[in-house]
Amino acid sequence: FKKYYTDEILLNVPNGVKIKSFEITVYPTECALGWRDSMPPIHVTSMQYEVKDTESNVFKVNMPELTYCYLSSLRLDGDYVKILNKNQLEWDGHIYTKQ
């Protein structure tokens, strides 16, 4: 396991090790949009990549569109807001009151 902080990942496989498949899991490192600490964007896991040549020892993965905003939108996909009355909303199990 190794941490990367760019949209390009370079995986070097030691000599003698054969890789049949791999997947990548991305966890956001910081909250840039002001979400509550208890509700950060969720992690994203790629599909399983089957290696075509088991003799390969370097894999380069580029994910330029994988941004914090994209992860945030995944976190909100399928969420709903319930209007309780003219001053209150319920979202993600929390009630928000208009001040």
PDB file of N, CA and C in Angstrom:
ATOM      1  N   PHE A   1       0.839  -1.183   0.000  1.00  0.00           N
ATOM      2  CA  PHE A   1       0.000   0.000   0.000  1.00  0.00           C
ATOM      3  C   PHE A   1       0.879   1.239   0.000  1.00  0.00           C
ATOM      4  N   LYS A   2       0.519   2.201  -0.828  1.00  0.00           N
ATOM      5  CA  LYS A   2       1.297   3.427  -0.930  1.00  0.00           C
ATOM      6  C   LYS A   2       0.342   4.586  -1.154  1.00  0.00           C
ATOM      7  N   LYS A   3       0.656   5.735  -0.580  1.00  0.00           N
ATOM      8  CA  LYS A   3      -0.181   6.918  -0.747  1.00  0.00           C
ATOM      9  C   LYS A   3       0.326   7.744  -1.919  1.00  0.00           C
ATOM     10  N   TYR A   4      -0.617   8.266  -2.709  1.00  0.00           N
ATOM     11  CA  TYR A   4      -0.311   9.152  -3.823  1.00  0.00           C
ATOM     12  C   TYR A   4      -1.155  10.407  -3.658  1.00  0.00           C
ATOM     13  N   TYR A   5      -0.601  11.534  -4.044  1.00  0.00           N
ATOM     14  CA  TYR A   5      -1.323  12.793  -3.912  1.00  0.00           C
ATOM     15  C   TYR A   5      -1.460  13.507  -5.258  1.00  0.00           C
ATOM     16  N   THR A   6      -1.394  12.757  -6.339  1.00  0.00           N
ATOM     17  CA  THR A   6      -1.558  13.303  -7.679  1.00  0.00           C
ATOM     18  C   THR A   6      -2.552  12.423  -8.429  1.00  0.00           C
ATOM     19  N   ASP A   7      -2.903  12.832  -9.641  1.00  0.00           N
ATOM     20  CA  ASP A   7      -3.832  12.025 -10.424  1.00  0.00           C
ATOM     21  C   ASP A   7      -3.123  10.960 -11.257  1.00  0.00           C
ATOM     22  N   GLU A   8      -1.811  10.832 -11.095  1.00  0.00           N
ATOM     23  CA  GLU A   8      -1.060   9.802 -11.813  1.00  0.00           C
ATOM     24  C   GLU A   8      -0.403   8.867 -10.806  1.00  0.00           C
ATOM     25  N   ILE A   9      -0.629   7.588 -10.979  1.00  0.00           N
ATOM     26  CA  ILE A   9      -0.087   6.571 -10.073  1.00  0.00           C
ATOM     27  C   ILE A   9       0.846   5.672 -10.871  1.00  0.00           C
ATOM     28  N   LEU A  10       2.032   5.477 -10.348  1.00  0.00           N
ATOM     29  CA  LEU A  10       3.005   4.590 -10.987  1.00  0.00           C
ATOM     30  C   LEU A  10       3.302   3.452 -10.016  1.00  0.00           C
ATOM     31  N   LEU A  11       2.948   2.250 -10.404  1.00  0.00           N
ATOM     32  CA  LEU A  11       3.154   1.071  -9.564  1.00  0.00           C
ATOM     33  C   LEU A  11       4.340   0.283 -10.094  1.00  0.00           C
ATOM     34  N   ASN A  12       5.361   0.149  -9.277  1.00  0.00           N
ATOM     35  CA  ASN A  12       6.535  -0.651  -9.641  1.00  0.00           C
ATOM     36  C   ASN A  12       6.459  -1.983  -8.910  1.00  0.00           C
ATOM     37  N   VAL A  13       6.535  -3.048  -9.640  1.00  0.00           N
ATOM     38  CA  VAL A  13       6.464  -4.388  -9.068  1.00  0.00           C
ATOM     39  C   VAL A  13       7.883  -4.938  -8.968  1.00  0.00           C
ATOM     40  N   PRO A  14       8.268  -5.453  -7.796  1.00  0.00           N
ATOM     41  CA  PRO A  14       9.617  -6.012  -7.649  1.00  0.00           C
ATOM     42  C   PRO A  14       9.852  -7.178  -8.617  1.00  0.00           C
ATOM     43  N   ASN A  15      11.101  -7.357  -9.013  1.00  0.00           N
ATOM     44  CA  ASN A  15      11.465  -8.467  -9.901  1.00  0.00           C
ATOM     45  C   ASN A  15      11.055  -9.791  -9.277  1.00  0.00           C
ATOM     46  N   GLY A  16      10.552 -10.675 -10.098  1.00  0.00           N
ATOM     47  CA  GLY A  16      10.156 -12.001  -9.629  1.00  0.00           C
ATOM     48  C   GLY A  16       8.725 -12.080  -9.116  1.00  0.00           C
ATOM     49  N   VAL A  17       8.087 -10.941  -8.927  1.00  0.00           N
ATOM     50  CA  VAL A  17       6.694 -10.934  -8.463  1.00  0.00           C
ATOM     51  C   VAL A  17       5.787 -10.807  -9.678  1.00  0.00           C
ATOM     52  N   LYS A  18       4.810 -11.685  -9.759  1.00  0.00           N
ATOM     53  CA  LYS A  18       3.868 -11.644 -10.882  1.00  0.00           C
ATOM     54  C   LYS A  18       2.514 -11.153 -10.375  1.00  0.00           C
ATOM     55  N   ILE A  19       1.951 -10.213 -11.097  1.00  0.00           N
ATOM     56  CA  ILE A  19       0.659  -9.635 -10.743  1.00  0.00           C
ATOM     57  C   ILE A  19      -0.377 -10.131 -11.746  1.00  0.00           C
ATOM     58  N   LYS A  20      -1.481 -10.677 -11.245  1.00  0.00           N
ATOM     59  CA  LYS A  20      -2.561 -11.132 -12.120  1.00  0.00           C
ATOM     60  C   LYS A  20      -3.646 -10.067 -12.253  1.00  0.00           C
ATOM     61  N   SER A  21      -3.865  -9.324 -11.170  1.00  0.00           N
ATOM     62  CA  SER A  21      -4.888  -8.287 -11.200  1.00  0.00           C
ATOM     63  C   SER A  21      -4.626  -7.295 -10.065  1.00  0.00           C
ATOM     64  N   PHE A  22      -5.245  -6.116 -10.187  1.00  0.00           N
ATOM     65  CA  PHE A  22      -5.166  -5.136  -9.102  1.00  0.00           C
ATOM     66  C   PHE A  22      -6.346  -4.186  -9.202  1.00  0.00           C
ATOM     67  N   GLU A  23      -6.595  -3.489  -8.105  1.00  0.00           N
ATOM     68  CA  GLU A  23      -7.613  -2.452  -8.068  1.00  0.00           C
ATOM     69  C   GLU A  23      -7.068  -1.294  -7.253  1.00  0.00           C
ATOM     70  N   ILE A  24      -7.676  -0.132  -7.425  1.00  0.00           N
ATOM     71  CA  ILE A  24      -7.205   1.069  -6.744  1.00  0.00           C
ATOM     72  C   ILE A  24      -8.350   1.638  -5.924  1.00  0.00           C
ATOM     73  N   THR A  25      -8.064   1.985  -4.673  1.00  0.00           N
ATOM     74  CA  THR A  25      -9.046   2.640  -3.812  1.00  0.00           C
ATOM     75  C   THR A  25      -8.555   4.043  -3.514  1.00  0.00           C
ATOM     76  N   VAL A  26      -9.427   5.023  -3.713  1.00  0.00           N
ATOM     77  CA  VAL A  26      -9.084   6.429  -3.508  1.00  0.00           C
ATOM     78  C   VAL A  26      -9.845   6.947  -2.296  1.00  0.00           C
ATOM     79  N   TYR A  27      -9.106   7.530  -1.342  1.00  0.00           N
ATOM     80  CA  TYR A  27      -9.697   8.153  -0.169  1.00  0.00           C
ATOM     81  C   TYR A  27      -9.381   9.642  -0.209  1.00  0.00           C
ATOM     82  N   PRO A  28     -10.373  10.516  -0.049  1.00  0.00           N
ATOM     83  CA  PRO A  28     -10.081  11.957  -0.037  1.00  0.00           C
ATOM     84  C   PRO A  28      -9.233  12.307   1.183  1.00  0.00           C
ATOM     85  N   THR A  29      -8.311  13.262   1.027  1.00  0.00           N
ATOM     86  CA  THR A  29      -7.414  13.617   2.127  1.00  0.00           C
ATOM     87  C   THR A  29      -7.811  14.888   2.849  1.00  0.00           C
ATOM     88  N   GLU A  30      -8.617  15.738   2.218  1.00  0.00           N
ATOM     89  CA  GLU A  30      -9.003  16.973   2.878  1.00  0.00           C
ATOM     90  C   GLU A  30     -10.356  17.433   2.371  1.00  0.00           C
ATOM     91  N   CYS A  31     -11.019  18.232   3.176  1.00  0.00           N
ATOM     92  CA  CYS A  31     -12.344  18.718   2.808  1.00  0.00           C
ATOM     93  C   CYS A  31     -12.228  20.159   2.350  1.00  0.00           C
ATOM     94  N   ALA A  32     -12.369  20.378   1.054  1.00  0.00           N
ATOM     95  CA  ALA A  32     -12.210  21.723   0.491  1.00  0.00           C
ATOM     96  C   ALA A  32     -13.535  22.449   0.316  1.00  0.00           C
ATOM     97  N   LEU A  33     -14.653  21.744   0.430  1.00  0.00           N
ATOM     98  CA  LEU A  33     -15.938  22.356   0.139  1.00  0.00           C
ATOM     99  C   LEU A  33     -16.750  22.704   1.381  1.00  0.00           C
ATOM    100  N   GLY A  34     -16.199  22.504   2.568  1.00  0.00           N
ATOM    101  CA  GLY A  34     -16.904  22.884   3.783  1.00  0.00           C
ATOM    102  C   GLY A  34     -17.924  21.880   4.269  1.00  0.00           C
ATOM    103  N   TRP A  35     -17.803  20.605   3.874  1.00  0.00           N
ATOM    104  CA  TRP A  35     -18.727  19.599   4.394  1.00  0.00           C
ATOM    105  C   TRP A  35     -18.485  19.404   5.880  1.00  0.00           C
ATOM    106  N   ARG A  36     -19.495  18.887   6.551  1.00  0.00           N
ATOM    107  CA  ARG A  36     -19.334  18.547   7.971  1.00  0.00           C
ATOM    108  C   ARG A  36     -18.263  17.466   8.100  1.00  0.00           C
ATOM    109  N   ASP A  37     -17.527  17.498   9.220  1.00  0.00           N
ATOM    110  CA  ASP A  37     -16.500  16.480   9.451  1.00  0.00           C
ATOM    111  C   ASP A  37     -17.096  15.082   9.484  1.00  0.00           C
ATOM    112  N   SER A  38     -18.350  14.971   9.933  1.00  0.00           N
ATOM    113  CA  SER A  38     -18.981  13.658  10.049  1.00  0.00           C
ATOM    114  C   SER A  38     -19.505  13.139   8.706  1.00  0.00           C
ATOM    115  N   MET A  39     -19.359  13.932   7.637  1.00  0.00           N
ATOM    116  CA  MET A  39     -19.898  13.528   6.345  1.00  0.00           C
ATOM    117  C   MET A  39     -18.925  13.817   5.210  1.00  0.00           C
ATOM    118  N   PRO A  40     -17.726  13.251   5.256  1.00  0.00           N
ATOM    119  CA  PRO A  40     -16.787  13.485   4.158  1.00  0.00           C
ATOM    120  C   PRO A  40     -17.205  12.688   2.930  1.00  0.00           C
ATOM    121  N   PRO A  41     -16.663  13.035   1.769  1.00  0.00           N
ATOM    122  CA  PRO A  41     -16.928  12.208   0.584  1.00  0.00           C
ATOM    123  C   PRO A  41     -16.446  10.783   0.828  1.00  0.00           C
ATOM    124  N   ILE A  42     -17.146   9.841   0.247  1.00  0.00           N
ATOM    125  CA  ILE A  42     -16.786   8.439   0.437  1.00  0.00           C
ATOM    126  C   ILE A  42     -15.609   8.056  -0.447  1.00  0.00           C
ATOM    127  N   HIS A  43     -15.005   6.923  -0.152  1.00  0.00           N
ATOM    128  CA  HIS A  43     -13.907   6.442  -0.999  1.00  0.00           C
ATOM    129  C   HIS A  43     -14.479   5.821  -2.273  1.00  0.00           C
ATOM    130  N   VAL A  44     -13.628   5.698  -3.252  1.00  0.00           N
ATOM    131  CA  VAL A  44     -14.000   5.108  -4.540  1.00  0.00           C
ATOM    132  C   VAL A  44     -13.011   3.987  -4.826  1.00  0.00           C
ATOM    133  N   THR A  45     -13.530   2.835  -5.237  1.00  0.00           N
ATOM    134  CA  THR A  45     -12.672   1.710  -5.605  1.00  0.00           C
ATOM    135  C   THR A  45     -12.891   1.398  -7.071  1.00  0.00           C
ATOM    136  N   SER A  46     -11.785   1.230  -7.791  1.00  0.00           N
ATOM    137  CA  SER A  46     -11.883   0.922  -9.217  1.00  0.00           C
ATOM    138  C   SER A  46     -12.350  -0.516  -9.407  1.00  0.00           C
ATOM    139  N   MET A  47     -12.716  -0.825 -10.625  1.00  0.00           N
ATOM    140  CA  MET A  47     -13.009  -2.214 -10.951  1.00  0.00           C
ATOM    141  C   MET A  47     -11.679  -2.981 -10.944  1.00  0.00           C
ATOM    142  N   GLN A  48     -11.775  -4.275 -10.846  1.00  0.00           N
ATOM    143  CA  GLN A  48     -10.588  -5.124 -10.873  1.00  0.00           C
ATOM    144  C   GLN A  48      -9.958  -5.057 -12.261  1.00  0.00           C
ATOM    145  N   TYR A  49      -8.680  -4.708 -12.331  1.00  0.00           N
ATOM    146  CA  TYR A  49      -7.961  -4.668 -13.602  1.00  0.00           C
ATOM    147  C   TYR A  49      -7.204  -5.979 -13.768  1.00  0.00           C
ATOM    148  N   GLU A  50      -7.506  -6.711 -14.806  1.00  0.00           N
ATOM    149  CA  GLU A  50      -6.814  -7.965 -15.100  1.00  0.00           C
ATOM    150  C   GLU A  50      -5.578  -7.649 -15.940  1.00  0.00           C
ATOM    151  N   VAL A  51      -4.427  -8.046 -15.480  1.00  0.00           N
ATOM    152  CA  VAL A  51      -3.166  -7.781 -16.169  1.00  0.00           C
ATOM    153  C   VAL A  51      -3.054  -8.695 -17.380  1.00  0.00           C
ATOM    154  N   LYS A  52      -2.779  -8.104 -18.525  1.00  0.00           N
ATOM    155  CA  LYS A  52      -2.684  -8.879 -19.767  1.00  0.00           C
ATOM    156  C   LYS A  52      -1.362  -9.605 -19.886  1.00  0.00           C
ATOM    157  N   ASP A  53      -0.280  -8.986 -19.433  1.00  0.00           N
ATOM    158  CA  ASP A  53       1.050  -9.583 -19.522  1.00  0.00           C
ATOM    159  C   ASP A  53       1.607  -9.735 -18.106  1.00  0.00           C
ATOM    160  N   THR A  54       1.646 -10.962 -17.599  1.00  0.00           N
ATOM    161  CA  THR A  54       2.105 -11.185 -16.222  1.00  0.00           C
ATOM    162  C   THR A  54       3.593 -10.893 -16.045  1.00  0.00           C
ATOM    163  N   GLU A  55       4.318 -10.660 -17.150  1.00  0.00           N
ATOM    164  CA  GLU A  55       5.729 -10.295 -17.060  1.00  0.00           C
ATOM    165  C   GLU A  55       5.896  -8.793 -16.825  1.00  0.00           C
ATOM    166  N   SER A  56       4.814  -8.025 -16.926  1.00  0.00           N
ATOM    167  CA  SER A  56       4.889  -6.574 -16.714  1.00  0.00           C
ATOM    168  C   SER A  56       5.308  -6.281 -15.276  1.00  0.00           C
ATOM    169  N   ASN A  57       6.138  -5.245 -15.119  1.00  0.00           N
ATOM    170  CA  ASN A  57       6.561  -4.887 -13.771  1.00  0.00           C
ATOM    171  C   ASN A  57       6.318  -3.414 -13.443  1.00  0.00           C
ATOM    172  N   VAL A  58       5.717  -2.664 -14.360  1.00  0.00           N
ATOM    173  CA  VAL A  58       5.368  -1.269 -14.115  1.00  0.00           C
ATOM    174  C   VAL A  58       3.967  -1.017 -14.665  1.00  0.00           C
ATOM    175  N   PHE A  59       3.133  -0.384 -13.831  1.00  0.00           N
ATOM    176  CA  PHE A  59       1.786  -0.029 -14.262  1.00  0.00           C
ATOM    177  C   PHE A  59       1.582   1.451 -14.003  1.00  0.00           C
ATOM    178  N   LYS A  60       1.160   2.167 -15.036  1.00  0.00           N
ATOM    179  CA  LYS A  60       0.921   3.600 -14.924  1.00  0.00           C
ATOM    180  C   LYS A  60      -0.576   3.842 -15.057  1.00  0.00           C
ATOM    181  N   VAL A  61      -1.164   4.480 -14.043  1.00  0.00           N
ATOM    182  CA  VAL A  61      -2.598   4.756 -14.027  1.00  0.00           C
ATOM    183  C   VAL A  61      -2.770   6.262 -13.923  1.00  0.00           C
ATOM    184  N   ASN A  62      -3.569   6.838 -14.815  1.00  0.00           N
ATOM    185  CA  ASN A  62      -3.814   8.278 -14.810  1.00  0.00           C
ATOM    186  C   ASN A  62      -5.311   8.506 -14.645  1.00  0.00           C
ATOM    187  N   MET A  63      -5.696   9.301 -13.624  1.00  0.00           N
ATOM    188  CA  MET A  63      -7.104   9.584 -13.344  1.00  0.00           C
ATOM    189  C   MET A  63      -7.314  11.093 -13.245  1.00  0.00           C
ATOM    190  N   PRO A  64      -7.233  11.830 -14.360  1.00  0.00           N
ATOM    191  CA  PRO A  64      -7.297  13.293 -14.298  1.00  0.00           C
ATOM    192  C   PRO A  64      -8.653  13.839 -13.875  1.00  0.00           C
ATOM    193  N   GLU A  65      -9.726  13.106 -14.078  1.00  0.00           N
ATOM    194  CA  GLU A  65     -11.057  13.607 -13.726  1.00  0.00           C
ATOM    195  C   GLU A  65     -11.463  13.255 -12.304  1.00  0.00           C
ATOM    196  N   LEU A  66     -10.637  12.519 -11.580  1.00  0.00           N
ATOM    197  CA  LEU A  66     -10.965  12.128 -10.209  1.00  0.00           C
ATOM    198  C   LEU A  66     -10.568  13.256  -9.268  1.00  0.00           C
ATOM    199  N   THR A  67     -11.503  14.141  -8.994  1.00  0.00           N
ATOM    200  CA  THR A  67     -11.249  15.313  -8.159  1.00  0.00           C
ATOM    201  C   THR A  67     -12.056  15.223  -6.874  1.00  0.00           C
ATOM    202  N   TYR A  68     -11.757  16.118  -5.946  1.00  0.00           N
ATOM    203  CA  TYR A  68     -12.514  16.161  -4.704  1.00  0.00           C
ATOM    204  C   TYR A  68     -13.977  16.469  -4.981  1.00  0.00           C
ATOM    205  N   CYS A  69     -14.253  17.346  -5.945  1.00  0.00           N
ATOM    206  CA  CYS A  69     -15.643  17.673  -6.288  1.00  0.00           C
ATOM    207  C   CYS A  69     -16.373  16.431  -6.808  1.00  0.00           C
ATOM    208  N   TYR A  70     -15.691  15.625  -7.605  1.00  0.00           N
ATOM    209  CA  TYR A  70     -16.299  14.399  -8.122  1.00  0.00           C
ATOM    210  C   TYR A  70     -16.630  13.449  -6.972  1.00  0.00           C
ATOM    211  N   LEU A  71     -15.700  13.266  -6.039  1.00  0.00           N
ATOM    212  CA  LEU A  71     -15.944  12.398  -4.885  1.00  0.00           C
ATOM    213  C   LEU A  71     -17.086  12.937  -4.035  1.00  0.00           C
ATOM    214  N   SER A  72     -17.169  14.264  -3.912  1.00  0.00           N
ATOM    215  CA  SER A  72     -18.263  14.874  -3.145  1.00  0.00           C
ATOM    216  C   SER A  72     -19.600  14.598  -3.806  1.00  0.00           C
ATOM    217  N   SER A  73     -19.646  14.675  -5.126  1.00  0.00           N
ATOM    218  CA  SER A  73     -20.907  14.417  -5.820  1.00  0.00           C
ATOM    219  C   SER A  73     -21.323  12.957  -5.665  1.00  0.00           C
ATOM    220  N   LEU A  74     -20.357  12.039  -5.600  1.00  0.00           N
ATOM    221  CA  LEU A  74     -20.693  10.642  -5.353  1.00  0.00           C
ATOM    222  C   LEU A  74     -21.280  10.467  -3.966  1.00  0.00           C
ATOM    223  N   ARG A  75     -20.742  11.226  -3.004  1.00  0.00           N
ATOM    224  CA  ARG A  75     -21.241  11.139  -1.628  1.00  0.00           C
ATOM    225  C   ARG A  75     -22.700  11.577  -1.565  1.00  0.00           C
ATOM    226  N   LEU A  76     -23.084  12.546  -2.393  1.00  0.00           N
ATOM    227  CA  LEU A  76     -24.441  13.083  -2.354  1.00  0.00           C
ATOM    228  C   LEU A  76     -25.411  12.357  -3.277  1.00  0.00           C
ATOM    229  N   ASP A  77     -24.907  11.505  -4.157  1.00  0.00           N
ATOM    230  CA  ASP A  77     -25.762  10.806  -5.110  1.00  0.00           C
ATOM    231  C   ASP A  77     -26.769   9.941  -4.353  1.00  0.00           C
ATOM    232  N   GLY A  78     -28.042  10.183  -4.597  1.00  0.00           N
ATOM    233  CA  GLY A  78     -29.087   9.396  -3.939  1.00  0.00           C
ATOM    234  C   GLY A  78     -29.542   9.978  -2.616  1.00  0.00           C
ATOM    235  N   ASP A  79     -28.898  11.026  -2.127  1.00  0.00           N
ATOM    236  CA  ASP A  79     -29.340  11.675  -0.900  1.00  0.00           C
ATOM    237  C   ASP A  79     -30.628  12.441  -1.153  1.00  0.00           C
ATOM    238  N   TYR A  80     -31.321  12.724  -0.107  1.00  0.00           N
ATOM    239  CA  TYR A  80     -32.536  13.512  -0.235  1.00  0.00           C
ATOM    240  C   TYR A  80     -32.612  14.483   0.937  1.00  0.00           C
ATOM    241  N   VAL A  81     -33.405  15.521   0.761  1.00  0.00           N
ATOM    242  CA  VAL A  81     -33.689  16.482   1.824  1.00  0.00           C
ATOM    243  C   VAL A  81     -35.193  16.478   2.025  1.00  0.00           C
ATOM    244  N   LYS A  82     -35.610  16.310   3.269  1.00  0.00           N
ATOM    245  CA  LYS A  82     -37.036  16.313   3.589  1.00  0.00           C
ATOM    246  C   LYS A  82     -37.395  17.658   4.214  1.00  0.00           C
ATOM    247  N   ILE A  83     -38.416  18.312   3.676  1.00  0.00           N
ATOM    248  CA  ILE A  83     -38.875  19.581   4.238  1.00  0.00           C
ATOM    249  C   ILE A  83     -39.853  19.245   5.363  1.00  0.00           C
ATOM    250  N   LEU A  84     -39.468  19.581   6.594  1.00  0.00           N
ATOM    251  CA  LEU A  84     -40.317  19.289   7.756  1.00  0.00           C
ATOM    252  C   LEU A  84     -41.373  20.371   7.947  1.00  0.00           C
ATOM    253  N   ASN A  85     -40.964  21.627   7.805  1.00  0.00           N
ATOM    254  CA  ASN A  85     -41.880  22.768   7.860  1.00  0.00           C
ATOM    255  C   ASN A  85     -41.166  23.947   7.221  1.00  0.00           C
ATOM    256  N   LYS A  86     -41.732  25.163   7.303  1.00  0.00           N
ATOM    257  CA  LYS A  86     -41.122  26.293   6.591  1.00  0.00           C
ATOM    258  C   LYS A  86     -39.780  26.726   7.185  1.00  0.00           C
ATOM    259  N   ASN A  87     -39.428  26.207   8.364  1.00  0.00           N
ATOM    260  CA  ASN A  87     -38.161  26.585   8.994  1.00  0.00           C
ATOM    261  C   ASN A  87     -37.195  25.421   9.208  1.00  0.00           C
ATOM    262  N   GLN A  88     -37.603  24.195   8.879  1.00  0.00           N
ATOM    263  CA  GLN A  88     -36.733  23.053   9.167  1.00  0.00           C
ATOM    264  C   GLN A  88     -36.628  22.086   7.989  1.00  0.00           C
ATOM    265  N   LEU A  89     -35.407  21.575   7.800  1.00  0.00           N
ATOM    266  CA  LEU A  89     -35.108  20.543   6.811  1.00  0.00           C
ATOM    267  C   LEU A  89     -34.451  19.372   7.524  1.00  0.00           C
ATOM    268  N   GLU A  90     -34.658  18.180   7.008  1.00  0.00           N
ATOM    269  CA  GLU A  90     -33.939  17.012   7.519  1.00  0.00           C
ATOM    270  C   GLU A  90     -33.069  16.476   6.391  1.00  0.00           C
ATOM    271  N   TRP A  91     -31.760  16.344   6.668  1.00  0.00           N
ATOM    272  CA  TRP A  91     -30.829  15.836   5.675  1.00  0.00           C
ATOM    273  C   TRP A  91     -29.807  14.954   6.361  1.00  0.00           C
ATOM    274  N   ASP A  92     -29.638  13.759   5.854  1.00  0.00           N
ATOM    275  CA  ASP A  92     -28.644  12.819   6.360  1.00  0.00           C
ATOM    276  C   ASP A  92     -28.812  12.567   7.850  1.00  0.00           C
ATOM    277  N   GLY A  93     -30.072  12.501   8.295  1.00  0.00           N
ATOM    278  CA  GLY A  93     -30.352  12.213   9.703  1.00  0.00           C
ATOM    279  C   GLY A  93     -30.224  13.400  10.638  1.00  0.00           C
ATOM    280  N   HIS A  94     -29.948  14.588  10.109  1.00  0.00           N
ATOM    281  CA  HIS A  94     -29.809  15.795  10.931  1.00  0.00           C
ATOM    282  C   HIS A  94     -30.913  16.777  10.572  1.00  0.00           C
ATOM    283  N   ILE A  95     -31.401  17.482  11.566  1.00  0.00           N
ATOM    284  CA  ILE A  95     -32.426  18.510  11.342  1.00  0.00           C
ATOM    285  C   ILE A  95     -31.748  19.882  11.330  1.00  0.00           C
ATOM    286  N   TYR A  96     -32.010  20.642  10.292  1.00  0.00           N
ATOM    287  CA  TYR A  96     -31.454  21.989  10.152  1.00  0.00           C
ATOM    288  C   TYR A  96     -32.589  22.999  10.289  1.00  0.00           C
ATOM    289  N   THR A  97     -32.381  23.987  11.186  1.00  0.00           N
ATOM    290  CA  THR A  97     -33.393  24.992  11.452  1.00  0.00           C
ATOM    291  C   THR A  97     -32.939  26.337  10.923  1.00  0.00           C
ATOM    292  N   LYS A  98     -33.830  27.017  10.210  1.00  0.00           N
ATOM    293  CA  LYS A  98     -33.552  28.352   9.667  1.00  0.00           C
ATOM    294  C   LYS A  98     -33.409  29.328  10.828  1.00  0.00           C
ATOM    295  N   GLN A  99     -32.368  30.129  10.800  1.00  0.00           N
ATOM    296  CA  GLN A  99     -32.098  31.095  11.878  1.00  0.00           C
ATOM    297  C   GLN A  99     -32.568  32.473  11.504  1.00  0.00           C
TER     298      GLN A  99
END
